[in-house]
Amino acid sequence: MKTKKLIELINVTKTFKQNNEKIEALKKTNFSVGAGEMVAIVGPSGSGKSTLLTILGGLQTPTSGKVFIGGKQIDKISEKERSKVRLNHIGFILQASNLVPFLTIEDQLNLYEKASGRKIDSSKRQELFASLGIEKLTRKYPSELSGGERQRAAIMRALYPDPEVILADEPTASLDTKKVFEVAEILQKQTKKLNRATIIVTHDERLLSYCDKVYEMIDGVLKTRK
């Protein structure tokens, strides 16, 4: 039985002009992640990982090629439509946790509901809190949390809309080894249990054993890591 592809790039490239010079940030790339798969992308700084991630997340369009999220081609739709895809189908987890500093954790979820027009069932909200071990933290502000707690809250915020795709950019950069393993286990469990596609861009080798596949990006070329 074939795994359903939740995110796919077909012959995607991205070029920029810099001082009249053509920069190939992303050379022709074919890439897909199926339901229940967690993959990592590694590579040196400036290799094209961030460009790839922003294209996967619909934050910018490719120069050529096609981008699919949940079977829907997103590179040809309007920015307004891409915003809806990002809001409801993609969960972003960033190095700096990306939490609103002046809102409690619970209020961050209320803000999402207001922006999206979606009301998440309260029992699902409590189940998510419990699965991430943050039931007692929901009325606290980000500044009142430890680094590990903030990152778990950020994961919760990313998972809250029940997205098909999770994109994580250096999610463990500021964490100690124990917290790294906690975050990795949470992402792995959520990916498998709920059949998401999770893509982690990282320099953290400690995460790789939790991933189904590891890719390496060098000079705009994406290859399976041997």
Protein backbone atom coordinates (compact mmCIF):
# COMPACT_ATOMS: atom_id res chain seq x y z
CA MET A 1 0.00 0.00 0.00
CA LYS A 2 1.42 3.37 -1.06
CA THR A 3 1.90 6.11 1.53
CA LYS A 4 -0.12 9.22 0.73
CA LYS A 5 2.14 12.15 -0.21
CA LEU A 6 1.30 15.14 1.94
CA ILE A 7 3.98 17.45 0.56
CA GLU A 8 5.72 17.22 -2.80
CA LEU A 9 8.07 19.25 -4.97
CA ILE A 10 8.36 18.46 -8.68
CA ASN A 11 11.32 19.89 -10.63
CA VAL A 12 11.45 22.92 -8.34
CA THR A 13 14.15 25.58 -8.74
CA LYS A 14 14.77 28.99 -7.18
CA THR A 15 17.08 31.64 -8.60
CA PHE A 16 17.89 35.18 -7.49
CA LYS A 17 19.72 38.08 -9.06
CA GLN A 18 22.45 39.70 -7.00
CA ASN A 19 24.56 42.48 -8.50
CA ASN A 20 23.59 41.28 -11.99
CA GLU A 21 24.72 37.78 -11.06
CA LYS A 22 22.33 34.82 -11.21
CA ILE A 23 22.31 32.86 -7.95
CA GLU A 24 20.90 29.32 -8.04
CA ALA A 25 19.70 28.97 -4.45
CA LEU A 26 17.85 25.77 -5.26
CA LYS A 27 18.74 23.59 -8.21
CA LYS A 28 16.15 21.26 -9.77
CA THR A 29 14.63 19.40 -6.83
CA ASN A 30 12.21 16.50 -6.56
CA PHE A 31 11.14 15.72 -3.02
CA SER A 32 8.16 14.27 -1.17
CA VAL A 33 7.14 13.28 2.34
CA GLY A 34 4.28 10.93 3.04
CA ALA A 35 1.76 10.61 5.85
CA GLY A 36 3.42 9.36 9.04
CA GLU A 37 6.96 10.23 7.90
CA MET A 38 9.45 12.43 9.74
CA VAL A 39 12.50 13.52 7.77
CA ALA A 40 15.48 15.75 8.46
CA ILE A 41 17.36 18.06 6.12
CA VAL A 42 20.94 18.88 7.09
CA GLY A 43 23.67 20.91 5.44
CA PRO A 44 25.97 23.87 5.98
CA SER A 45 24.73 27.43 6.35
CA GLY A 46 24.03 29.03 2.97
CA SER A 47 23.44 25.68 1.28
CA GLY A 48 19.79 26.41 0.39
CA LYS A 49 17.97 24.81 3.34
CA SER A 50 16.10 28.00 4.30
CA THR A 51 15.09 28.61 0.69
CA LEU A 52 13.75 25.08 0.47
CA LEU A 53 11.82 25.45 3.73
CA THR A 54 10.18 28.73 2.69
CA ILE A 55 9.08 27.15 -0.60
CA LEU A 56 7.72 24.09 1.23
CA GLY A 57 5.79 26.42 3.53
CA GLY A 58 4.36 28.54 0.75
CA LEU A 59 6.23 31.61 2.00
CA GLN A 60 7.73 32.14 -1.44
CA THR A 61 7.09 30.68 -4.87
CA PRO A 62 9.64 28.73 -6.91
CA THR A 63 11.20 30.07 -10.10
CA SER A 64 10.05 26.89 -11.82
CA GLY A 65 8.40 23.61 -10.86
CA LYS A 66 5.35 22.62 -8.83
CA VAL A 67 4.63 22.54 -5.08
CA PHE A 68 1.83 20.41 -3.62
CA ILE A 69 0.43 20.41 -0.08
CA GLY A 70 -2.10 17.65 0.61
CA GLY A 71 -2.54 17.17 -3.13
CA LYS A 72 -3.26 20.88 -3.77
CA GLN A 73 -0.86 22.80 -6.00
CA ILE A 74 0.03 25.99 -4.13
CA ASP A 75 2.65 27.67 -6.32
CA LYS A 76 0.07 29.06 -8.77
CA ILE A 77 -2.58 30.27 -6.33
CA SER A 78 -2.89 33.81 -4.96
CA GLU A 79 -1.06 34.99 -1.85
CA LYS A 80 -4.40 35.20 -0.02
CA GLU A 81 -5.12 31.56 -0.80
CA ARG A 82 -1.58 30.54 0.20
CA SER A 83 -2.11 32.32 3.52
CA LYS A 84 -5.15 30.13 4.15
CA VAL A 85 -3.11 27.02 3.32
CA ARG A 86 -0.39 28.11 5.76
CA LEU A 87 -2.92 28.91 8.47
CA ASN A 88 -4.87 25.66 8.29
CA HIS A 89 -2.61 23.02 6.72
CA ILE A 90 0.96 23.83 7.81
CA GLY A 91 2.36 24.04 11.32
CA PHE A 92 5.58 26.03 11.75
CA ILE A 93 8.01 25.42 14.61
CA LEU A 94 10.85 27.94 14.72
CA GLN A 95 14.10 28.17 16.63
CA ALA A 96 12.91 31.19 18.62
CA SER A 97 9.57 29.48 19.49
CA ASN A 98 7.58 32.19 17.61
CA LEU A 99 5.19 32.81 20.50
CA VAL A 100 3.50 36.18 21.02
CA PRO A 101 5.22 37.55 24.16
CA PHE A 102 2.24 39.48 25.56
CA LEU A 103 -0.28 36.61 25.29
CA THR A 104 -0.64 33.60 27.56
CA ILE A 105 -0.29 30.19 25.92
CA GLU A 106 -4.06 29.71 25.99
CA ASP A 107 -4.66 33.15 24.49
CA GLN A 108 -2.32 32.28 21.60
CA LEU A 109 -4.71 29.48 20.69
CA ASN A 110 -7.71 31.80 21.01
CA LEU A 111 -5.96 34.20 18.63
CA TYR A 112 -5.58 31.41 16.06
CA GLU A 113 -9.29 30.56 16.36
CA LYS A 114 -10.22 34.21 15.83
CA ALA A 115 -7.93 34.56 12.80
CA SER A 116 -9.01 31.31 11.15
CA GLY A 117 -12.69 31.37 12.06
CA ARG A 118 -12.32 27.81 13.35
CA LYS A 119 -13.37 26.64 16.80
CA ILE A 120 -11.37 23.68 18.09
CA ASP A 121 -13.22 21.25 20.32
CA SER A 122 -12.28 21.86 23.97
CA SER A 123 -11.66 18.16 24.63
CA LYS A 124 -9.13 18.09 21.77
CA ARG A 125 -7.46 21.16 23.21
CA GLN A 126 -7.10 19.47 26.61
CA GLU A 127 -5.87 16.25 24.99
CA LEU A 128 -3.16 18.20 23.17
CA PHE A 129 -2.14 19.99 26.38
CA ALA A 130 -1.87 16.65 28.16
CA SER A 131 0.10 14.97 25.36
CA LEU A 132 2.71 17.73 25.55
CA GLY A 133 2.72 17.94 29.34
CA ILE A 134 1.79 21.63 29.50
CA GLU A 135 -1.65 21.50 31.16
CA LYS A 136 -0.40 23.65 34.06
CA LEU A 137 1.35 26.20 31.83
CA THR A 138 -1.51 27.44 29.66
CA ARG A 139 -2.17 30.62 31.66
CA LYS A 140 1.47 31.63 31.74
CA TYR A 141 3.27 34.04 29.42
CA PRO A 142 6.25 32.87 27.30
CA SER A 143 8.66 34.85 29.53
CA GLU A 144 7.53 32.76 32.51
CA LEU A 145 8.50 29.47 30.83
CA SER A 146 11.83 27.67 30.57
CA GLY A 147 13.40 27.10 27.15
CA GLY A 148 12.06 23.55 26.98
CA GLU A 149 8.58 24.63 28.06
CA ARG A 150 8.51 27.41 25.45
CA GLN A 151 9.46 24.95 22.74
CA ARG A 152 6.76 22.51 23.83
CA ALA A 153 4.29 25.40 23.76
CA ALA A 154 5.48 26.28 20.26
CA ILE A 155 4.95 22.68 19.16
CA MET A 156 1.46 22.80 20.67
CA ARG A 157 0.71 26.00 18.74
CA ALA A 158 1.91 24.35 15.52
CA LEU A 159 -0.17 21.21 16.11
CA TYR A 160 -3.31 23.02 17.24
CA PRO A 161 -4.92 23.50 13.79
CA ASP A 162 -4.35 19.75 13.12
CA PRO A 163 -2.13 20.50 10.09
CA GLU A 164 -1.13 17.88 7.55
CA VAL A 165 2.44 19.19 7.42
CA ILE A 166 4.83 20.27 10.18
CA LEU A 167 7.88 22.37 9.19
CA ALA A 168 10.48 22.75 11.93
CA ASP A 169 13.45 25.10 11.54
CA GLU A 170 16.21 24.30 14.08
CA PRO A 171 13.62 23.37 16.75
CA THR A 172 16.23 22.22 19.29
CA ALA A 173 18.99 24.80 18.80
CA SER A 174 18.72 26.29 22.29
CA LEU A 175 17.97 23.09 24.23
CA ASP A 176 20.11 20.75 26.31
CA THR A 177 20.35 17.06 25.40
CA LYS A 178 17.50 15.92 27.65
CA LYS A 179 15.13 18.53 26.16
CA VAL A 180 16.31 17.68 22.63
CA PHE A 181 15.23 14.08 23.11
CA GLU A 182 11.92 15.18 24.62
CA VAL A 183 11.16 17.39 21.61
CA ALA A 184 12.25 14.67 19.18
CA GLU A 185 10.02 12.10 20.85
CA ILE A 186 7.05 14.48 20.84
CA LEU A 187 7.44 15.23 17.12
CA GLN A 188 7.95 11.57 16.27
CA LYS A 189 4.91 10.48 18.29
CA GLN A 190 2.65 13.18 16.82
CA THR A 191 3.85 12.40 13.29
CA LYS A 192 3.14 8.68 13.57
CA LYS A 193 -0.04 8.85 15.64
CA LEU A 194 -1.76 11.47 13.51
CA ASN A 195 -0.22 10.63 10.11
CA ARG A 196 1.40 14.00 9.58
CA ALA A 197 4.39 14.78 7.38
CA THR A 198 7.15 16.38 9.45
CA ILE A 199 10.22 18.06 7.97
CA ILE A 200 13.02 19.24 10.25
CA VAL A 201 15.81 21.52 9.06
CA THR A 202 18.61 21.12 11.56
CA HIS A 203 22.30 21.10 12.40
CA ASP A 204 21.54 18.93 15.44
CA GLU A 205 22.82 15.39 14.80
CA ARG A 206 21.03 14.20 17.95
CA LEU A 207 17.69 14.43 16.14
CA LEU A 208 18.58 12.26 13.19
CA SER A 209 18.04 8.85 14.79
CA TYR A 210 14.36 9.78 15.30
CA CYS A 211 13.83 10.44 11.58
CA ASP A 212 12.73 8.00 8.90
CA LYS A 213 14.99 9.64 6.30
CA VAL A 214 17.82 12.16 6.30
CA TYR A 215 18.57 14.45 3.36
CA GLU A 216 21.57 16.68 2.83
CA MET A 217 21.57 20.04 1.07
CA ILE A 218 24.83 21.26 -0.46
CA ASP A 219 25.07 24.21 -2.86
CA GLY A 220 21.35 24.06 -3.70
CA VAL A 221 21.34 20.32 -4.40
CA LEU A 222 19.22 18.01 -2.21
CA LYS A 223 20.34 14.38 -1.90
CA THR A 224 19.58 11.44 0.37
CA ARG A 225 22.29 11.30 3.00
CA LYS A 226 24.31 8.08 2.96
